[in-house]
Amino acid sequence: MNSCAVTVLEEFEDVKFSYGVSDEYSFVLKKNSQLYQRRASEIVSAIVSFFTSAYVRKWREFFPDKELKYPPSFDGRAICYPSSKILRDYLAWRQVDCHINNQYNTCFWALVKSGKSKSQAQDYLKGTQALEKNELLRKEFGIEYDALPVMFRRGSSVFRTKANKAQTPENGASAEKLQTEIIVDFCNIIEQSFWEAYPSILDEEAD
């Protein structure tokens, strides 16, 4: 899925940032984007269809021995947030939701694998808080939640960043050129430090 999101950023220059977890991805366009004359239905149609085609095209790359049994489909919607703060609040909410769902699912499937039915596992976890779930994983299954792969705990952020790339011109003199590259990171996008490290994501003047 991360590879599909990278492909979307490569195709649509107006997409500045993407956050994904499981089969859900959010794509952030430039505030002043004129993509498809800002018609929401066309933007959604183009991005969703392109993401789906990338998914089909890259299937063999990641699952060479597994057949794609049916055509995948994704839906989408466009939301216009009035400020960068509200946009950040939305992205923070998605990352918090990623953690909550991953923690619950880790506990749920550990209980099922231990012999409980799915309904018993649901009843067992009903009303439990984060600390209680961590204690369950640690004491009953020897799992340290904070040691699980960070991609599953935080989700994936896909964005452009600018970096100096060494080049060797024809005259042989060394030089550096500022180039843009797309990276995938499993970072904490709730903290202010992330946005301070990559201000161009929300800074329209940086384009």
Protein backbone atom coordinates (compact mmCIF):
# COMPACT_ATOMS: atom_id res chain seq x y z
CA MET A 1 0.00 0.00 0.00
CA ASN A 2 2.87 2.37 0.75
CA SER A 3 4.23 1.73 -2.72
CA CYS A 4 0.86 2.71 -4.21
CA ALA A 5 0.86 5.94 -2.20
CA VAL A 6 4.36 6.74 -3.48
CA THR A 7 3.11 6.19 -7.03
CA VAL A 8 0.26 8.66 -6.42
CA LEU A 9 2.70 11.32 -5.22
CA GLU A 10 4.87 10.68 -8.26
CA GLU A 11 1.90 11.14 -10.58
CA PHE A 12 0.20 14.09 -8.89
CA GLU A 13 2.57 16.91 -8.00
CA ASP A 14 -0.20 18.70 -6.10
CA VAL A 15 -0.32 15.89 -3.54
CA LYS A 16 2.10 16.98 -0.83
CA PHE A 17 1.56 14.41 1.92
CA SER A 18 -0.11 11.09 2.54
CA TYR A 19 -0.85 9.18 5.70
CA GLY A 20 -1.84 5.53 5.59
CA VAL A 21 -2.77 2.66 7.85
CA SER A 22 -4.13 -0.73 6.78
CA ASP A 23 -6.19 -0.14 3.60
CA GLU A 24 -6.90 3.55 4.35
CA TYR A 25 -4.92 6.46 2.94
CA SER A 26 -5.38 10.20 3.27
CA PHE A 27 -3.87 12.42 0.58
CA VAL A 28 -3.17 16.10 1.27
CA LEU A 29 -3.18 18.46 -1.68
CA LYS A 30 -1.60 21.89 -1.83
CA LYS A 31 -3.83 24.56 -0.37
CA ASN A 32 -3.76 26.52 -3.63
CA SER A 33 -4.08 23.44 -5.87
CA GLN A 34 -5.98 23.90 -9.11
CA LEU A 35 -6.00 20.19 -9.92
CA TYR A 36 -9.08 19.50 -12.08
CA GLN A 37 -10.20 23.07 -11.35
CA ARG A 38 -10.72 21.98 -7.71
CA ARG A 39 -13.71 19.82 -8.63
CA ALA A 40 -13.91 17.36 -5.74
CA SER A 41 -15.56 14.54 -7.68
CA GLU A 42 -12.88 14.57 -10.38
CA ILE A 43 -10.01 14.75 -7.87
CA VAL A 44 -11.38 11.80 -5.91
CA SER A 45 -12.08 9.80 -9.07
CA ALA A 46 -8.59 10.37 -10.46
CA ILE A 47 -6.67 9.58 -7.27
CA VAL A 48 -8.76 6.55 -6.31
CA SER A 49 -8.62 5.04 -9.80
CA PHE A 50 -4.88 5.67 -10.07
CA PHE A 51 -4.27 4.14 -6.61
CA THR A 52 -6.31 1.09 -7.60
CA SER A 53 -4.45 0.59 -10.87
CA ALA A 54 -1.11 0.94 -9.04
CA TYR A 55 -2.28 -1.71 -6.56
CA VAL A 56 -3.02 -4.17 -9.37
CA ARG A 57 0.21 -3.36 -11.21
CA LYS A 58 2.40 -3.83 -8.15
CA TRP A 59 0.69 -6.95 -6.80
CA ARG A 60 3.19 -9.38 -8.37
CA GLU A 61 6.08 -7.31 -7.07
CA PHE A 62 5.06 -7.98 -3.47
CA PHE A 63 3.16 -11.28 -3.81
CA PRO A 64 4.88 -13.18 -6.64
CA ASP A 65 3.46 -16.54 -5.56
CA LYS A 66 -0.07 -15.42 -4.73
CA GLU A 67 -2.79 -14.88 -7.30
CA LEU A 68 -4.93 -11.74 -7.15
CA LYS A 69 -8.31 -13.47 -6.88
CA TYR A 70 -10.66 -10.56 -7.57
CA PRO A 71 -10.43 -6.95 -8.81
CA PRO A 72 -9.66 -4.59 -5.90
CA SER A 73 -11.72 -1.47 -5.38
CA PHE A 74 -11.34 1.57 -3.16
CA ASP A 75 -13.69 4.42 -2.39
CA GLY A 76 -12.89 7.97 -1.37
CA ARG A 77 -14.15 11.41 -0.47
CA ALA A 78 -12.77 14.95 -0.56
CA ILE A 79 -12.78 17.27 2.45
CA CYS A 80 -11.68 20.91 2.43
CA TYR A 81 -10.14 21.83 5.76
CA PRO A 82 -10.01 25.60 6.44
CA SER A 83 -6.62 25.75 8.14
CA SER A 84 -3.33 23.89 8.60
CA LYS A 85 -4.13 23.45 12.30
CA ILE A 86 -7.37 21.62 11.56
CA LEU A 87 -5.59 19.52 8.94
CA ARG A 88 -2.95 18.56 11.50
CA ASP A 89 -5.66 17.72 14.02
CA TYR A 90 -7.24 15.40 11.45
CA LEU A 91 -3.94 13.64 10.73
CA ALA A 92 -3.20 13.34 14.46
CA TRP A 93 -6.63 11.75 14.94
CA ARG A 94 -5.86 9.19 12.23
CA GLN A 95 -2.56 8.29 13.89
CA VAL A 96 -4.18 7.95 17.31
CA ASP A 97 -6.82 5.72 15.72
CA CYS A 98 -4.04 3.63 14.16
CA HIS A 99 -2.52 3.01 17.60
CA ILE A 100 -5.88 2.20 19.22
CA ASN A 101 -6.87 -0.27 16.50
CA ASN A 102 -3.47 -1.93 16.36
CA GLN A 103 -3.30 -2.36 20.13
CA TYR A 104 -6.80 -3.82 20.26
CA ASN A 105 -6.21 -6.17 17.32
CA THR A 106 -2.89 -7.36 18.78
CA CYS A 107 -4.65 -8.26 22.03
CA PHE A 108 -7.68 -9.74 20.27
CA TRP A 109 -5.74 -12.13 18.05
CA ALA A 110 -3.38 -13.10 20.86
CA LEU A 111 -6.41 -14.14 22.91
CA VAL A 112 -7.94 -16.03 19.96
CA LYS A 113 -4.68 -17.88 19.32
CA SER A 114 -4.55 -18.80 23.02
CA GLY A 115 -7.85 -20.67 22.70
CA LYS A 116 -10.59 -18.12 23.27
CA SER A 117 -13.41 -17.71 20.76
CA LYS A 118 -13.76 -14.36 19.00
CA SER A 119 -16.78 -13.44 21.12
CA GLN A 120 -14.91 -14.38 24.30
CA ALA A 121 -11.96 -12.25 23.25
CA GLN A 122 -14.27 -9.31 22.57
CA ASP A 123 -15.91 -9.69 25.99
CA TYR A 124 -12.51 -9.98 27.68
CA LEU A 125 -11.30 -6.71 26.15
CA LYS A 126 -14.53 -4.77 26.62
CA GLY A 127 -13.90 -1.65 28.68
CA THR A 128 -10.13 -2.17 29.00
CA GLN A 129 -7.82 0.84 28.77
CA ALA A 130 -4.47 1.16 26.99
CA LEU A 131 -2.39 0.36 30.07
CA GLU A 132 -4.48 -2.72 30.79
CA LYS A 133 -4.01 -3.97 27.24
CA ASN A 134 -0.24 -3.45 27.52
CA GLU A 135 -0.20 -5.40 30.78
CA LEU A 136 -2.22 -8.21 29.18
CA LEU A 137 0.23 -8.50 26.29
CA ARG A 138 3.25 -8.40 28.59
CA LYS A 139 2.09 -10.76 31.32
CA GLU A 140 0.03 -13.26 29.35
CA PHE A 141 1.88 -13.38 26.03
CA GLY A 142 5.33 -11.91 26.62
CA ILE A 143 4.70 -9.16 24.08
CA GLU A 144 6.05 -5.65 24.64
CA TYR A 145 3.67 -3.44 22.68
CA ASP A 146 6.21 -0.65 22.24
CA ALA A 147 8.60 -3.15 20.66
CA LEU A 148 6.19 -4.09 17.87
CA PRO A 149 7.04 -2.78 14.36
CA VAL A 150 6.59 0.98 14.39
CA MET A 151 4.80 0.88 11.01
CA PHE A 152 1.84 -0.88 12.63
CA ARG A 153 1.80 1.36 15.71
CA ARG A 154 2.14 4.69 13.88
CA GLY A 155 1.11 4.07 10.29
CA SER A 156 3.00 5.37 7.27
CA SER A 157 3.71 8.94 6.21
CA VAL A 158 4.63 9.55 2.56
CA PHE A 159 5.91 12.97 1.58
CA ARG A 160 8.37 14.96 -0.47
CA THR A 161 11.57 16.32 0.99
CA LYS A 162 14.42 18.27 -0.52
CA ALA A 163 18.01 17.11 -0.15
CA ASN A 164 21.40 18.03 -1.58
CA LYS A 165 22.64 15.46 -4.06
CA ALA A 166 26.30 15.30 -5.02
CA GLN A 167 26.90 15.65 -8.74
CA THR A 168 29.98 15.51 -10.94
CA PRO A 169 29.72 17.90 -13.90
CA GLU A 170 31.59 17.35 -17.16
CA ASN A 171 34.49 19.53 -15.99
CA GLY A 172 35.08 17.15 -13.08
CA ALA A 173 34.37 19.67 -10.34
CA SER A 174 32.17 18.41 -7.51
CA ALA A 175 28.87 20.14 -6.96
CA GLU A 176 25.61 19.77 -5.10
CA LYS A 177 22.10 20.18 -6.42
CA LEU A 178 18.91 20.46 -4.41
CA GLN A 179 16.61 17.64 -5.46
CA THR A 180 13.19 16.51 -4.34
CA GLU A 181 12.61 12.92 -3.30
CA ILE A 182 9.64 11.00 -1.96
CA ILE A 183 10.19 9.16 1.30
CA VAL A 184 8.16 6.78 3.44
CA ASP A 185 8.57 7.18 7.18
CA PHE A 186 6.85 5.75 10.25
CA CYS A 187 7.16 8.95 12.23
CA ASN A 188 5.16 10.63 14.97
CA ILE A 189 3.10 13.25 13.14
CA ILE A 190 1.32 14.32 16.32
CA GLU A 191 4.42 15.98 17.70
CA GLN A 192 5.35 19.52 16.67
CA SER A 193 8.91 18.38 15.97
CA PHE A 194 7.84 16.54 12.79
CA TRP A 195 6.28 19.64 11.23
CA GLU A 196 9.27 21.74 12.27
CA ALA A 197 11.58 19.25 10.55
CA TYR A 198 9.52 19.33 7.32
CA PRO A 199 7.93 22.80 7.15
CA SER A 200 7.52 22.68 3.36
CA ILE A 201 4.66 20.16 3.68
CA LEU A 202 2.31 22.87 4.90
CA ASP A 203 4.19 25.94 3.68
CA GLU A 204 2.71 27.04 0.36
CA GLU A 205 5.55 29.49 -0.22
CA ALA A 206 8.04 26.61 -0.25
CA ASP A 207 6.68 25.19 -3.54
